[in-house]
Amino acid sequence: MTSSQPAETRTRGRSAQTATLAEIAREAGVSAPTVSKVLNGRADVAPATRRRVEELLRAHGYRRRRAEATRSPLLDLVFHELESAWAMEVIRGVENVARDAGLSVVLSESAGRLTPGRTWADQVAARRPHGVILVLSGLDESGRALLTSRSIPFVVMDPAGDPGTDVPSIGATNWQGGLAATRHLVELGHTRIGAISGPSQMMCSRARIGGYRAALETGGLPVDPGLIMTGDFHHETGYRQGLALLRRPDRPTAVFTGNDLQALGLYEAARELGLRIPEDLSVVGFDDLPVARWVGPPLTTVRQPLTEMAEAAARLVLDLGKGENAAAVASRVELATSLVVRSSTAPPPTGG
């Protein structure tokens, strides 16, 4: 008896458990070794063939069986950008966990792109690591499908955008950090408080500015859009946007910056304009990098537990690689931030 169900529907309706490599090869019109090459990230497969096989792997929800998934003793750590001071804290945390697990860490950078390109995903598939940790980044659907089909688990640390409920991620309480930083300045008596944020497309930037706005509103102060500048988490934009804020005739007496590097840029702008910190200008940063303790004056900042976040991400990706059920893993884990008060903040010079 012949089923009335279309062949394509019957094929795509099979589960990942019943679809074998040989069946996928037969449907794609290629040999089983060719499918194996695609699974292993080999370069010697024609692009059209690779796309056809990967579409079928994705349609079947195919995952390499544990016997097939021989992994290299590696953890892949990919950064949106490698900024030495910030990145070193993350690398240290991942290394702590990897070392105890007998693994090495592979570093890569997505060249400023919030979503790594296909070449990067192919390279990861070829390495077959124990897992992938993406920092201030994310994966598009094709990259996720490629890693999933090869049973390579991944976790996003401080995702650039909303990763979705099915992607495990580790972050920090950025909104609370922005709230605490700005509330500290309000309690000191400042009424004109500026802000220099990170990139507006990043979740952490929006959350920190959201906390800043909330602190002003609860303190009974207006939110002046002219005092909010957008930067990119670099020293240079802290300097440039700092000059713009401090040259205003109604300049702020305090500024909350999106990270410590921007705060250091603001320090430079203040010195250039002859302003003293904290006598003329109070400054609060975010991250609590080691340099925050060394600058003069030492920087008041929000401590983001970067090393602990990285350790949590590494442990999570290893648990997933051991077969832990991803559905049972919290989709979003946030570690607490805390305000560290040092010498860069003080009451305003004239009560303003």
C-alpha atoms as a PDB file:
ATOM      1  CA  MET A   1       0.000   0.000   0.000  1.00  0.00           C
ATOM      2  CA  THR A   2       1.407   3.391  -0.984  1.00  0.00           C
ATOM      3  CA  SER A   3       1.132   6.292   1.397  1.00  0.00           C
ATOM      4  CA  SER A   4      -0.654   9.406   0.098  1.00  0.00           C
ATOM      5  CA  GLN A   5       1.755  11.590   2.074  1.00  0.00           C
ATOM      6  CA  PRO A   6       4.220  13.466  -0.217  1.00  0.00           C
ATOM      7  CA  ALA A   7       7.751  12.037  -0.249  1.00  0.00           C
ATOM      8  CA  GLU A   8       9.271  15.310   0.948  1.00  0.00           C
ATOM      9  CA  THR A   9       6.873  15.474   3.894  1.00  0.00           C
ATOM     10  CA  ARG A  10       7.584  11.856   4.810  1.00  0.00           C
ATOM     11  CA  THR A  11      11.336  12.497   4.718  1.00  0.00           C
ATOM     12  CA  ARG A  12      11.240  15.716   6.679  1.00  0.00           C
ATOM     13  CA  GLY A  13       8.937  14.167   9.231  1.00  0.00           C
ATOM     14  CA  ARG A  14      11.522  11.616  10.303  1.00  0.00           C
ATOM     15  CA  SER A  15      13.125  12.210  13.631  1.00  0.00           C
ATOM     16  CA  ALA A  16      16.826  12.728  14.232  1.00  0.00           C
ATOM     17  CA  GLN A  17      16.865   9.202  15.681  1.00  0.00           C
ATOM     18  CA  THR A  18      15.607   7.460  12.501  1.00  0.00           C
ATOM     19  CA  ALA A  19      17.449   9.534   9.886  1.00  0.00           C
ATOM     20  CA  THR A  20      20.829   7.931   9.296  1.00  0.00           C
ATOM     21  CA  LEU A  21      23.853   9.363   7.558  1.00  0.00           C
ATOM     22  CA  ALA A  22      23.293   6.920   4.692  1.00  0.00           C
ATOM     23  CA  GLU A  23      19.670   8.025   4.254  1.00  0.00           C
ATOM     24  CA  ILE A  24      20.696  11.674   4.181  1.00  0.00           C
ATOM     25  CA  ALA A  25      23.386  10.844   1.603  1.00  0.00           C
ATOM     26  CA  ARG A  26      20.840   9.001  -0.554  1.00  0.00           C
ATOM     27  CA  GLU A  27      18.364  11.877  -0.391  1.00  0.00           C
ATOM     28  CA  ALA A  28      21.089  14.400  -1.270  1.00  0.00           C
ATOM     29  CA  GLY A  29      22.286  12.249  -4.160  1.00  0.00           C
ATOM     30  CA  VAL A  30      25.829  11.979  -2.800  1.00  0.00           C
ATOM     31  CA  SER A  31      27.936   9.325  -1.106  1.00  0.00           C
ATOM     32  CA  ALA A  32      27.996   8.755   2.648  1.00  0.00           C
ATOM     33  CA  PRO A  33      31.691   9.823   2.784  1.00  0.00           C
ATOM     34  CA  THR A  34      30.667  13.173   1.252  1.00  0.00           C
ATOM     35  CA  VAL A  35      28.110  13.706   4.023  1.00  0.00           C
ATOM     36  CA  SER A  36      30.805  12.775   6.528  1.00  0.00           C
ATOM     37  CA  LYS A  37      33.121  15.377   5.006  1.00  0.00           C
ATOM     38  CA  VAL A  38      30.434  18.042   5.418  1.00  0.00           C
ATOM     39  CA  LEU A  39      29.912  17.002   9.041  1.00  0.00           C
ATOM     40  CA  ASN A  40      33.642  17.228   9.690  1.00  0.00           C
ATOM     41  CA  GLY A  41      33.978  20.662   8.100  1.00  0.00           C
ATOM     42  CA  ARG A  42      36.221  19.443   5.293  1.00  0.00           C
ATOM     43  CA  ALA A  43      36.922  21.999   2.572  1.00  0.00           C
ATOM     44  CA  ASP A  44      36.978  19.526  -0.354  1.00  0.00           C
ATOM     45  CA  VAL A  45      33.206  19.619  -0.965  1.00  0.00           C
ATOM     46  CA  ALA A  46      31.581  21.751  -3.668  1.00  0.00           C
ATOM     47  CA  PRO A  47      29.657  24.712  -2.156  1.00  0.00           C
ATOM     48  CA  ALA A  48      26.357  23.692  -3.794  1.00  0.00           C
ATOM     49  CA  THR A  49      26.728  20.138  -2.493  1.00  0.00           C
ATOM     50  CA  ARG A  50      27.623  21.403   0.977  1.00  0.00           C
ATOM     51  CA  ARG A  51      24.524  23.624   1.062  1.00  0.00           C
ATOM     52  CA  ARG A  52      22.256  20.772  -0.087  1.00  0.00           C
ATOM     53  CA  VAL A  53      23.626  18.372   2.543  1.00  0.00           C
ATOM     54  CA  GLU A  54      23.447  20.958   5.328  1.00  0.00           C
ATOM     55  CA  GLU A  55      19.847  21.812   4.455  1.00  0.00           C
ATOM     56  CA  LEU A  56      18.952  18.128   4.819  1.00  0.00           C
ATOM     57  CA  LEU A  57      20.916  17.816   8.067  1.00  0.00           C
ATOM     58  CA  ARG A  58      19.043  20.815   9.402  1.00  0.00           C
ATOM     59  CA  ALA A  59      15.673  19.538   8.156  1.00  0.00           C
ATOM     60  CA  HIS A  60      16.238  16.182   9.853  1.00  0.00           C
ATOM     61  CA  GLY A  61      17.569  17.815  13.032  1.00  0.00           C
ATOM     62  CA  TYR A  62      20.535  15.491  12.586  1.00  0.00           C
ATOM     63  CA  ARG A  63      23.058  15.364  15.418  1.00  0.00           C
ATOM     64  CA  ARG A  64      26.202  13.316  15.317  1.00  0.00           C
ATOM     65  CA  ARG A  65      25.929  10.271  17.522  1.00  0.00           C
ATOM     66  CA  ARG A  66      28.278  10.163  20.496  1.00  0.00           C
ATOM     67  CA  ALA A  67      30.367   7.435  18.833  1.00  0.00           C
ATOM     68  CA  GLU A  68      30.889   9.693  15.836  1.00  0.00           C
ATOM     69  CA  ALA A  69      31.505  12.908  17.759  1.00  0.00           C
ATOM     70  CA  THR A  70      35.201  12.556  18.515  1.00  0.00           C
ATOM     71  CA  ARG A  71      36.121  15.934  19.949  1.00  0.00           C
ATOM     72  CA  SER A  72      39.432  17.734  20.075  1.00  0.00           C
ATOM     73  CA  PRO A  73      40.642  18.751  23.579  1.00  0.00           C
ATOM     74  CA  LEU A  74      39.750  22.384  22.911  1.00  0.00           C
ATOM     75  CA  LEU A  75      37.374  25.148  23.944  1.00  0.00           C
ATOM     76  CA  ASP A  76      36.730  27.815  21.323  1.00  0.00           C
ATOM     77  CA  LEU A  77      36.493  31.348  22.747  1.00  0.00           C
ATOM     78  CA  VAL A  78      35.396  33.973  20.219  1.00  0.00           C
ATOM     79  CA  PHE A  79      35.297  37.702  20.932  1.00  0.00           C
ATOM     80  CA  HIS A  80      33.439  40.454  19.131  1.00  0.00           C
ATOM     81  CA  GLU A  81      36.671  42.418  19.633  1.00  0.00           C
ATOM     82  CA  LEU A  82      39.805  41.535  21.591  1.00  0.00           C
ATOM     83  CA  GLU A  83      40.345  44.413  24.011  1.00  0.00           C
ATOM     84  CA  SER A  84      43.285  43.398  26.164  1.00  0.00           C
ATOM     85  CA  ALA A  85      42.243  44.602  29.627  1.00  0.00           C
ATOM     86  CA  TRP A  86      38.621  43.450  29.384  1.00  0.00           C
ATOM     87  CA  ALA A  87      39.341  40.306  27.397  1.00  0.00           C
ATOM     88  CA  MET A  88      42.090  39.177  29.774  1.00  0.00           C
ATOM     89  CA  GLU A  89      39.589  38.879  32.622  1.00  0.00           C
ATOM     90  CA  VAL A  90      37.370  36.675  30.440  1.00  0.00           C
ATOM     91  CA  ILE A  91      40.277  34.588  29.154  1.00  0.00           C
ATOM     92  CA  ARG A  92      41.457  34.030  32.723  1.00  0.00           C
ATOM     93  CA  GLY A  93      38.072  32.644  33.749  1.00  0.00           C
ATOM     94  CA  VAL A  94      37.781  30.294  30.775  1.00  0.00           C
ATOM     95  CA  GLU A  95      41.375  29.140  31.245  1.00  0.00           C
ATOM     96  CA  ASN A  96      40.683  28.326  34.910  1.00  0.00           C
ATOM     97  CA  VAL A  97      37.937  25.879  33.939  1.00  0.00           C
ATOM     98  CA  ALA A  98      39.645  24.545  30.811  1.00  0.00           C
ATOM     99  CA  ARG A  99      42.855  23.796  32.694  1.00  0.00           C
ATOM    100  CA  ASP A 100      41.019  21.746  35.304  1.00  0.00           C
ATOM    101  CA  ALA A 101      39.267  19.833  32.490  1.00  0.00           C
ATOM    102  CA  GLY A 102      42.526  19.144  30.638  1.00  0.00           C
ATOM    103  CA  LEU A 103      41.546  21.350  27.688  1.00  0.00           C
ATOM    104  CA  SER A 104      43.252  24.125  25.742  1.00  0.00           C
ATOM    105  CA  VAL A 105      41.609  27.389  24.701  1.00  0.00           C
ATOM    106  CA  VAL A 106      41.500  28.639  21.105  1.00  0.00           C
ATOM    107  CA  LEU A 107      41.013  32.411  20.752  1.00  0.00           C
ATOM    108  CA  SER A 108      39.450  34.088  17.761  1.00  0.00           C
ATOM    109  CA  GLU A 109      37.973  37.489  16.935  1.00  0.00           C
ATOM    110  CA  SER A 110      34.991  38.252  14.727  1.00  0.00           C
ATOM    111  CA  ALA A 111      36.646  41.480  13.513  1.00  0.00           C
ATOM    112  CA  GLY A 112      34.040  43.737  15.068  1.00  0.00           C
ATOM    113  CA  ARG A 113      31.091  41.783  13.627  1.00  0.00           C
ATOM    114  CA  LEU A 114      28.388  40.960  16.151  1.00  0.00           C
ATOM    115  CA  THR A 115      27.726  37.703  14.282  1.00  0.00           C
ATOM    116  CA  PRO A 116      30.781  35.652  13.257  1.00  0.00           C
ATOM    117  CA  GLY A 117      30.926  34.798   9.558  1.00  0.00           C
ATOM    118  CA  ARG A 118      30.513  31.441   7.888  1.00  0.00           C
ATOM    119  CA  THR A 119      34.288  30.966   7.533  1.00  0.00           C
ATOM    120  CA  TRP A 120      34.621  31.042  11.302  1.00  0.00           C
ATOM    121  CA  ALA A 121      31.840  28.465  11.732  1.00  0.00           C
ATOM    122  CA  ASP A 122      33.489  26.173   9.178  1.00  0.00           C
ATOM    123  CA  GLN A 123      36.802  26.435  11.031  1.00  0.00           C
ATOM    124  CA  VAL A 124      35.143  25.576  14.335  1.00  0.00           C
ATOM    125  CA  ALA A 125      33.395  22.578  12.763  1.00  0.00           C
ATOM    126  CA  ALA A 126      36.717  21.357  11.423  1.00  0.00           C
ATOM    127  CA  ARG A 127      38.368  21.675  14.874  1.00  0.00           C
ATOM    128  CA  ARG A 128      35.507  19.777  16.587  1.00  0.00           C
ATOM    129  CA  PRO A 129      36.060  21.424  20.000  1.00  0.00           C
ATOM    130  CA  HIS A 130      34.349  20.424  23.224  1.00  0.00           C
ATOM    131  CA  GLY A 131      32.375  23.636  23.040  1.00  0.00           C
ATOM    132  CA  VAL A 132      32.175  27.259  21.909  1.00  0.00           C
ATOM    133  CA  ILE A 133      31.842  30.411  24.039  1.00  0.00           C
ATOM    134  CA  LEU A 134      30.857  33.585  22.187  1.00  0.00           C
ATOM    135  CA  VAL A 135      31.527  36.883  23.968  1.00  0.00           C
ATOM    136  CA  LEU A 136      29.502  40.048  23.195  1.00  0.00           C
ATOM    137  CA  SER A 137      28.427  38.294  20.051  1.00  0.00           C
ATOM    138  CA  GLY A 138      25.883  35.815  18.720  1.00  0.00           C
ATOM    139  CA  LEU A 139      25.155  33.221  16.069  1.00  0.00           C
ATOM    140  CA  ASP A 140      22.892  33.393  13.046  1.00  0.00           C
ATOM    141  CA  GLU A 141      20.633  30.483  12.135  1.00  0.00           C
ATOM    142  CA  SER A 142      23.102  28.890   9.722  1.00  0.00           C
ATOM    143  CA  GLY A 143      25.922  29.020  12.272  1.00  0.00           C
ATOM    144  CA  ARG A 144      23.711  27.547  14.978  1.00  0.00           C
ATOM    145  CA  ALA A 145      22.556  24.773  12.648  1.00  0.00           C
ATOM    146  CA  LEU A 146      26.143  23.982  11.663  1.00  0.00           C
ATOM    147  CA  LEU A 147      27.307  23.606  15.279  1.00  0.00           C
ATOM    148  CA  THR A 148      24.161  21.753  16.321  1.00  0.00           C
ATOM    149  CA  SER A 149      24.449  19.226  13.498  1.00  0.00           C
ATOM    150  CA  ARG A 150      27.962  18.414  14.697  1.00  0.00           C
ATOM    151  CA  SER A 151      26.922  18.202  18.371  1.00  0.00           C
ATOM    152  CA  ILE A 152      29.182  21.137  19.297  1.00  0.00           C
ATOM    153  CA  PRO A 153      27.561  22.904  22.273  1.00  0.00           C
ATOM    154  CA  PHE A 154      27.748  26.700  22.540  1.00  0.00           C
ATOM    155  CA  VAL A 155      27.063  29.373  25.144  1.00  0.00           C
ATOM    156  CA  VAL A 156      26.874  33.140  24.677  1.00  0.00           C
ATOM    157  CA  MET A 157      28.448  35.394  27.300  1.00  0.00           C
ATOM    158  CA  ASP A 158      26.920  38.871  27.460  1.00  0.00           C
ATOM    159  CA  PRO A 159      25.060  38.429  24.152  1.00  0.00           C
ATOM    160  CA  ALA A 160      24.962  41.401  21.795  1.00  0.00           C
ATOM    161  CA  GLY A 161      21.246  40.918  21.116  1.00  0.00           C
ATOM    162  CA  ASP A 162      18.466  38.723  22.413  1.00  0.00           C
ATOM    163  CA  PRO A 163      19.842  35.189  21.858  1.00  0.00           C
ATOM    164  CA  GLY A 164      16.426  33.528  22.209  1.00  0.00           C
ATOM    165  CA  THR A 165      15.154  31.232  24.922  1.00  0.00           C
ATOM    166  CA  ASP A 166      16.839  28.173  23.391  1.00  0.00           C
ATOM    167  CA  VAL A 167      20.390  29.590  23.599  1.00  0.00           C
ATOM    168  CA  PRO A 168      22.080  29.339  27.029  1.00  0.00           C
ATOM    169  CA  SER A 169      23.706  32.640  27.976  1.00  0.00           C
ATOM    170  CA  ILE A 170      25.641  34.171  30.861  1.00  0.00           C
ATOM    171  CA  GLY A 171      25.460  37.851  31.699  1.00  0.00           C
ATOM    172  CA  ALA A 172      25.473  40.386  34.526  1.00  0.00           C
ATOM    173  CA  THR A 173      22.854  42.630  36.123  1.00  0.00           C
ATOM    174  CA  ASN A 174      23.640  45.565  33.825  1.00  0.00           C
ATOM    175  CA  TRP A 175      20.422  47.471  34.555  1.00  0.00           C
ATOM    176  CA  GLN A 176      21.012  47.249  38.289  1.00  0.00           C
ATOM    177  CA  GLY A 177      24.592  48.390  37.759  1.00  0.00           C
ATOM    178  CA  GLY A 178      23.501  51.480  35.834  1.00  0.00           C
ATOM    179  CA  LEU A 179      20.913  52.190  38.517  1.00  0.00           C
ATOM    180  CA  ALA A 180      23.451  51.895  41.360  1.00  0.00           C
ATOM    181  CA  ALA A 181      26.036  54.071  39.595  1.00  0.00           C
ATOM    182  CA  THR A 182      23.606  56.894  38.861  1.00  0.00           C
ATOM    183  CA  ARG A 183      21.841  56.671  42.229  1.00  0.00           C
ATOM    184  CA  HIS A 184      25.239  57.143  43.901  1.00  0.00           C
ATOM    185  CA  LEU A 185      25.709  60.397  41.971  1.00  0.00           C
ATOM    186  CA  VAL A 186      22.175  61.567  42.762  1.00  0.00           C
ATOM    187  CA  GLU A 187      22.722  60.885  46.467  1.00  0.00           C
ATOM    188  CA  LEU A 188      25.911  62.971  46.354  1.00  0.00           C
ATOM    189  CA  GLY A 189      23.750  65.902  45.245  1.00  0.00           C
ATOM    190  CA  HIS A 190      24.393  66.035  41.497  1.00  0.00           C
ATOM    191  CA  THR A 191      21.459  67.230  39.399  1.00  0.00           C
ATOM    192  CA  ARG A 192      23.089  67.366  35.946  1.00  0.00           C
ATOM    193  CA  ILE A 193      24.396  63.880  35.286  1.00  0.00           C
ATOM    194  CA  GLY A 194      25.629  62.908  31.838  1.00  0.00           C
ATOM    195  CA  ALA A 195      26.113  59.458  30.370  1.00  0.00           C
ATOM    196  CA  ILE A 196      28.375  57.972  27.705  1.00  0.00           C
ATOM    197  CA  SER A 197      26.975  54.605  26.636  1.00  0.00           C
ATOM    198  CA  GLY A 198      28.320  51.686  24.652  1.00  0.00           C
ATOM    199  CA  PRO A 199      26.903  50.705  21.239  1.00  0.00           C
ATOM    200  CA  SER A 200      23.129  51.124  21.208  1.00  0.00           C
ATOM    201  CA  GLN A 201      22.591  47.748  19.486  1.00  0.00           C
ATOM    202  CA  MET A 202      24.120  45.846  22.419  1.00  0.00           C
ATOM    203  CA  MET A 203      21.837  44.575  25.171  1.00  0.00           C
ATOM    204  CA  CYS A 204      24.276  45.458  27.944  1.00  0.00           C
ATOM    205  CA  SER A 205      24.555  49.083  26.739  1.00  0.00           C
ATOM    206  CA  ARG A 206      20.794  49.534  26.614  1.00  0.00           C
ATOM    207  CA  ALA A 207      20.372  47.963  30.045  1.00  0.00           C
ATOM    208  CA  ARG A 208      22.996  50.220  31.663  1.00  0.00           C
ATOM    209  CA  ILE A 209      21.405  53.341  30.201  1.00  0.00           C
ATOM    210  CA  GLY A 210      18.019  52.000  31.270  1.00  0.00           C
ATOM    211  CA  GLY A 211      19.284  51.859  34.863  1.00  0.00           C
ATOM    212  CA  TYR A 212      20.709  55.385  34.518  1.00  0.00           C
ATOM    213  CA  ARG A 213      17.331  56.711  33.347  1.00  0.00           C
ATOM    214  CA  ALA A 214      15.492  54.909  36.136  1.00  0.00           C
ATOM    215  CA  ALA A 215      17.785  56.385  38.811  1.00  0.00           C
ATOM    216  CA  LEU A 216      17.212  59.913  37.507  1.00  0.00           C
ATOM    217  CA  GLU A 217      13.459  59.438  37.365  1.00  0.00           C
ATOM    218  CA  THR A 218      13.203  57.944  40.851  1.00  0.00           C
ATOM    219  CA  GLY A 219      15.425  60.772  42.103  1.00  0.00           C
ATOM    220  CA  GLY A 220      12.998  63.324  40.672  1.00  0.00           C
ATOM    221  CA  LEU A 221      15.453  64.546  38.029  1.00  0.00           C
ATOM    222  CA  PRO A 222      14.654  65.050  34.340  1.00  0.00           C
ATOM    223  CA  VAL A 223      16.269  62.844  31.709  1.00  0.00           C
ATOM    224  CA  ASP A 224      18.001  65.242  29.321  1.00  0.00           C
ATOM    225  CA  PRO A 225      18.679  63.507  25.955  1.00  0.00           C
ATOM    226  CA  GLY A 226      21.381  66.092  25.295  1.00  0.00           C
ATOM    227  CA  LEU A 227      23.436  64.667  28.163  1.00  0.00           C
ATOM    228  CA  ILE A 228      23.383  61.093  26.806  1.00  0.00           C
ATOM    229  CA  MET A 229      26.144  60.295  24.314  1.00  0.00           C
ATOM    230  CA  THR A 230      26.620  57.030  22.420  1.00  0.00           C
ATOM    231  CA  GLY A 231      30.070  55.479  22.189  1.00  0.00           C
ATOM    232  CA  ASP A 232      31.628  52.109  21.418  1.00  0.00           C
ATOM    233  CA  PHE A 233      33.293  51.008  24.688  1.00  0.00           C
ATOM    234  CA  HIS A 234      36.675  52.418  23.566  1.00  0.00           C
ATOM    235  CA  HIS A 235      38.930  54.988  25.226  1.00  0.00           C
ATOM    236  CA  GLU A 236      38.756  57.221  22.138  1.00  0.00           C
ATOM    237  CA  THR A 237      34.989  57.676  22.262  1.00  0.00           C
ATOM    238  CA  GLY A 238      35.135  58.365  25.985  1.00  0.00           C
ATOM    239  CA  TYR A 239      37.542  61.171  25.157  1.00  0.00           C
ATOM    240  CA  ARG A 240      35.612  62.574  22.170  1.00  0.00           C
ATOM    241  CA  GLN A 241      32.163  62.319  23.707  1.00  0.00           C
ATOM    242  CA  GLY A 242      33.586  63.581  26.975  1.00  0.00           C
ATOM    243  CA  LEU A 243      34.866  66.719  25.274  1.00  0.00           C
ATOM    244  CA  ALA A 244      31.429  67.243  23.719  1.00  0.00           C
ATOM    245  CA  LEU A 245      29.711  66.967  27.105  1.00  0.00           C
ATOM    246  CA  LEU A 246      32.210  69.080  29.026  1.00  0.00           C
ATOM    247  CA  ARG A 247      32.272  71.894  26.443  1.00  0.00           C
ATOM    248  CA  ARG A 248      28.539  72.469  26.849  1.00  0.00           C
ATOM    249  CA  PRO A 249      27.701  75.785  28.556  1.00  0.00           C
ATOM    250  CA  ASP A 250      25.473  73.790  30.923  1.00  0.00           C
ATOM    251  CA  ARG A 251      27.972  70.942  31.302  1.00  0.00           C
ATOM    252  CA  PRO A 252      27.220  68.072  33.681  1.00  0.00           C
ATOM    253  CA  THR A 253      28.929  67.917  37.062  1.00  0.00           C
ATOM    254  CA  ALA A 254      28.989  64.107  36.909  1.00  0.00           C
ATOM    255  CA  VAL A 255      29.124  61.466  34.165  1.00  0.00           C
ATOM    256  CA  PHE A 256      28.323  57.757  34.165  1.00  0.00           C
ATOM    257  CA  THR A 257      30.290  55.916  31.472  1.00  0.00           C
ATOM    258  CA  GLY A 258      29.430  52.600  29.863  1.00  0.00           C
ATOM    259  CA  ASN A 259      32.762  51.034  30.807  1.00  0.00           C
ATOM    260  CA  ASP A 260      36.096  51.833  32.452  1.00  0.00           C
ATOM    261  CA  LEU A 261      37.879  52.471  29.146  1.00  0.00           C
ATOM    262  CA  GLN A 262      35.411  55.236  28.324  1.00  0.00           C
ATOM    263  CA  ALA A 263      35.915  56.623  31.832  1.00  0.00           C
ATOM    264  CA  LEU A 264      39.656  56.853  31.183  1.00  0.00           C
ATOM    265  CA  GLY A 265      38.941  58.725  27.951  1.00  0.00           C
ATOM    266  CA  LEU A 266      36.734  61.098  29.937  1.00  0.00           C
ATOM    267  CA  TYR A 267      39.597  61.606  32.422  1.00  0.00           C
ATOM    268  CA  GLU A 268      41.762  62.736  29.502  1.00  0.00           C
ATOM    269  CA  ALA A 269      39.081  65.124  28.211  1.00  0.00           C
ATOM    270  CA  ALA A 270      38.681  66.654  31.690  1.00  0.00           C
ATOM    271  CA  ARG A 271      42.440  67.212  32.048  1.00  0.00           C
ATOM    272  CA  GLU A 272      42.571  68.857  28.618  1.00  0.00           C
ATOM    273  CA  LEU A 273      39.846  71.290  29.664  1.00  0.00           C
ATOM    274  CA  GLY A 274      41.441  72.017  33.040  1.00  0.00           C
ATOM    275  CA  LEU A 275      38.763  70.243  35.094  1.00  0.00           C
ATOM    276  CA  ARG A 276      39.685  68.385  38.258  1.00  0.00           C
ATOM    277  CA  ILE A 277      38.278  64.981  39.238  1.00  0.00           C
ATOM    278  CA  PRO A 278      36.348  64.854  41.542  1.00  0.00           C
ATOM    279  CA  GLU A 279      36.428  68.540  42.569  1.00  0.00           C
ATOM    280  CA  ASP A 280      34.886  69.754  39.293  1.00  0.00           C
ATOM    281  CA  LEU A 281      33.625  66.506  37.778  1.00  0.00           C
ATOM    282  CA  SER A 282      32.593  63.163  39.259  1.00  0.00           C
ATOM    283  CA  VAL A 283      33.077  60.049  37.118  1.00  0.00           C
ATOM    284  CA  VAL A 284      31.699  56.503  37.456  1.00  0.00           C
ATOM    285  CA  GLY A 285      32.784  53.658  35.192  1.00  0.00           C
ATOM    286  CA  PHE A 286      31.654  50.094  34.646  1.00  0.00           C
ATOM    287  CA  ASP A 287      33.577  46.752  34.788  1.00  0.00           C
ATOM    288  CA  ASP A 288      36.124  47.363  37.605  1.00  0.00           C
ATOM    289  CA  LEU A 289      39.143  46.431  35.519  1.00  0.00           C
ATOM    290  CA  PRO A 290      42.470  46.392  37.400  1.00  0.00           C
ATOM    291  CA  VAL A 291      43.377  49.778  35.886  1.00  0.00           C
ATOM    292  CA  ALA A 292      40.438  51.359  37.756  1.00  0.00           C
ATOM    293  CA  ARG A 293      42.454  51.052  40.977  1.00  0.00           C
ATOM    294  CA  TRP A 294      45.651  52.451  39.465  1.00  0.00           C
ATOM    295  CA  VAL A 295      44.507  55.679  37.791  1.00  0.00           C
ATOM    296  CA  GLY A 296      44.586  58.997  39.597  1.00  0.00           C
ATOM    297  CA  PRO A 297      42.227  59.416  41.226  1.00  0.00           C
ATOM    298  CA  PRO A 298      41.160  55.762  41.600  1.00  0.00           C
ATOM    299  CA  LEU A 299      37.903  55.233  39.698  1.00  0.00           C
ATOM    300  CA  THR A 300      34.508  54.675  41.260  1.00  0.00           C
ATOM    301  CA  THR A 301      32.979  51.951  39.109  1.00  0.00           C
ATOM    302  CA  VAL A 302      30.467  49.135  38.890  1.00  0.00           C
ATOM    303  CA  ARG A 303      32.129  45.770  39.328  1.00  0.00           C
ATOM    304  CA  GLN A 304      31.093  43.294  36.665  1.00  0.00           C
ATOM    305  CA  PRO A 305      32.314  39.812  37.706  1.00  0.00           C
ATOM    306  CA  LEU A 306      33.963  39.068  34.358  1.00  0.00           C
ATOM    307  CA  THR A 307      36.167  36.195  35.501  1.00  0.00           C
ATOM    308  CA  GLU A 308      33.284  34.527  37.330  1.00  0.00           C
ATOM    309  CA  MET A 309      31.004  35.018  34.308  1.00  0.00           C
ATOM    310  CA  ALA A 310      33.600  33.377  32.066  1.00  0.00           C
ATOM    311  CA  GLU A 311      34.016  30.476  34.481  1.00  0.00           C
ATOM    312  CA  ALA A 312      30.254  29.974  34.575  1.00  0.00           C
ATOM    313  CA  ALA A 313      30.070  30.018  30.754  1.00  0.00           C
ATOM    314  CA  ALA A 314      32.891  27.477  30.458  1.00  0.00           C
ATOM    315  CA  ARG A 315      31.345  25.134  33.029  1.00  0.00           C
ATOM    316  CA  LEU A 316      27.979  25.401  31.312  1.00  0.00           C
ATOM    317  CA  VAL A 317      29.304  24.576  27.843  1.00  0.00           C
ATOM    318  CA  LEU A 318      31.206  21.578  29.243  1.00  0.00           C
ATOM    319  CA  ASP A 319      28.052  20.334  30.995  1.00  0.00           C
ATOM    320  CA  LEU A 320      26.158  20.587  27.733  1.00  0.00           C
ATOM    321  CA  GLY A 321      28.937  18.651  26.011  1.00  0.00           C
ATOM    322  CA  LYS A 322      28.563  15.865  28.557  1.00  0.00           C
ATOM    323  CA  GLY A 323      24.964  15.415  27.513  1.00  0.00           C
ATOM    324  CA  GLU A 324      23.204  17.684  29.989  1.00  0.00           C
ATOM    325  CA  ASN A 325      19.741  18.492  28.665  1.00  0.00           C
ATOM    326  CA  ALA A 326      19.837  21.980  27.180  1.00  0.00           C
ATOM    327  CA  ALA A 327      16.119  22.372  27.908  1.00  0.00           C
ATOM    328  CA  ALA A 328      16.872  21.935  31.606  1.00  0.00           C
ATOM    329  CA  VAL A 329      19.524  24.681  31.566  1.00  0.00           C
ATOM    330  CA  ALA A 330      18.384  28.189  32.472  1.00  0.00           C
ATOM    331  CA  SER A 331      18.297  30.167  29.231  1.00  0.00           C
ATOM    332  CA  ARG A 332      19.743  33.260  30.888  1.00  0.00           C
ATOM    333  CA  VAL A 333      21.935  33.423  34.004  1.00  0.00           C
ATOM    334  CA  GLU A 334      22.866  36.848  35.386  1.00  0.00           C
ATOM    335  CA  LEU A 335      25.596  37.384  37.972  1.00  0.00           C
ATOM    336  CA  ALA A 336      25.297  40.321  40.339  1.00  0.00           C
ATOM    337  CA  THR A 337      27.091  43.624  39.794  1.00  0.00           C
ATOM    338  CA  SER A 338      28.157  45.862  42.682  1.00  0.00           C
ATOM    339  CA  LEU A 339      29.190  49.498  43.081  1.00  0.00           C
ATOM    340  CA  VAL A 340      32.798  50.087  44.148  1.00  0.00           C
ATOM    341  CA  VAL A 341      33.215  53.610  45.534  1.00  0.00           C
ATOM    342  CA  ARG A 342      36.681  55.144  45.202  1.00  0.00           C
ATOM    343  CA  SER A 343      37.991  58.692  44.849  1.00  0.00           C
ATOM    344  CA  SER A 344      36.548  59.851  41.505  1.00  0.00           C
ATOM    345  CA  THR A 345      33.188  60.886  42.930  1.00  0.00           C
ATOM    346  CA  ALA A 346      32.295  63.680  45.362  1.00  0.00           C
ATOM    347  CA  PRO A 347      29.485  66.207  45.908  1.00  0.00           C
ATOM    348  CA  PRO A 348      29.151  68.822  43.135  1.00  0.00           C
ATOM    349  CA  PRO A 349      31.245  71.967  43.504  1.00  0.00           C
ATOM    350  CA  THR A 350      28.288  74.344  43.982  1.00  0.00           C
ATOM    351  CA  GLY A 351      25.419  72.009  44.815  1.00  0.00           C
ATOM    352  CA  GLY A 352      24.564  71.455  41.147  1.00  0.00           C
END
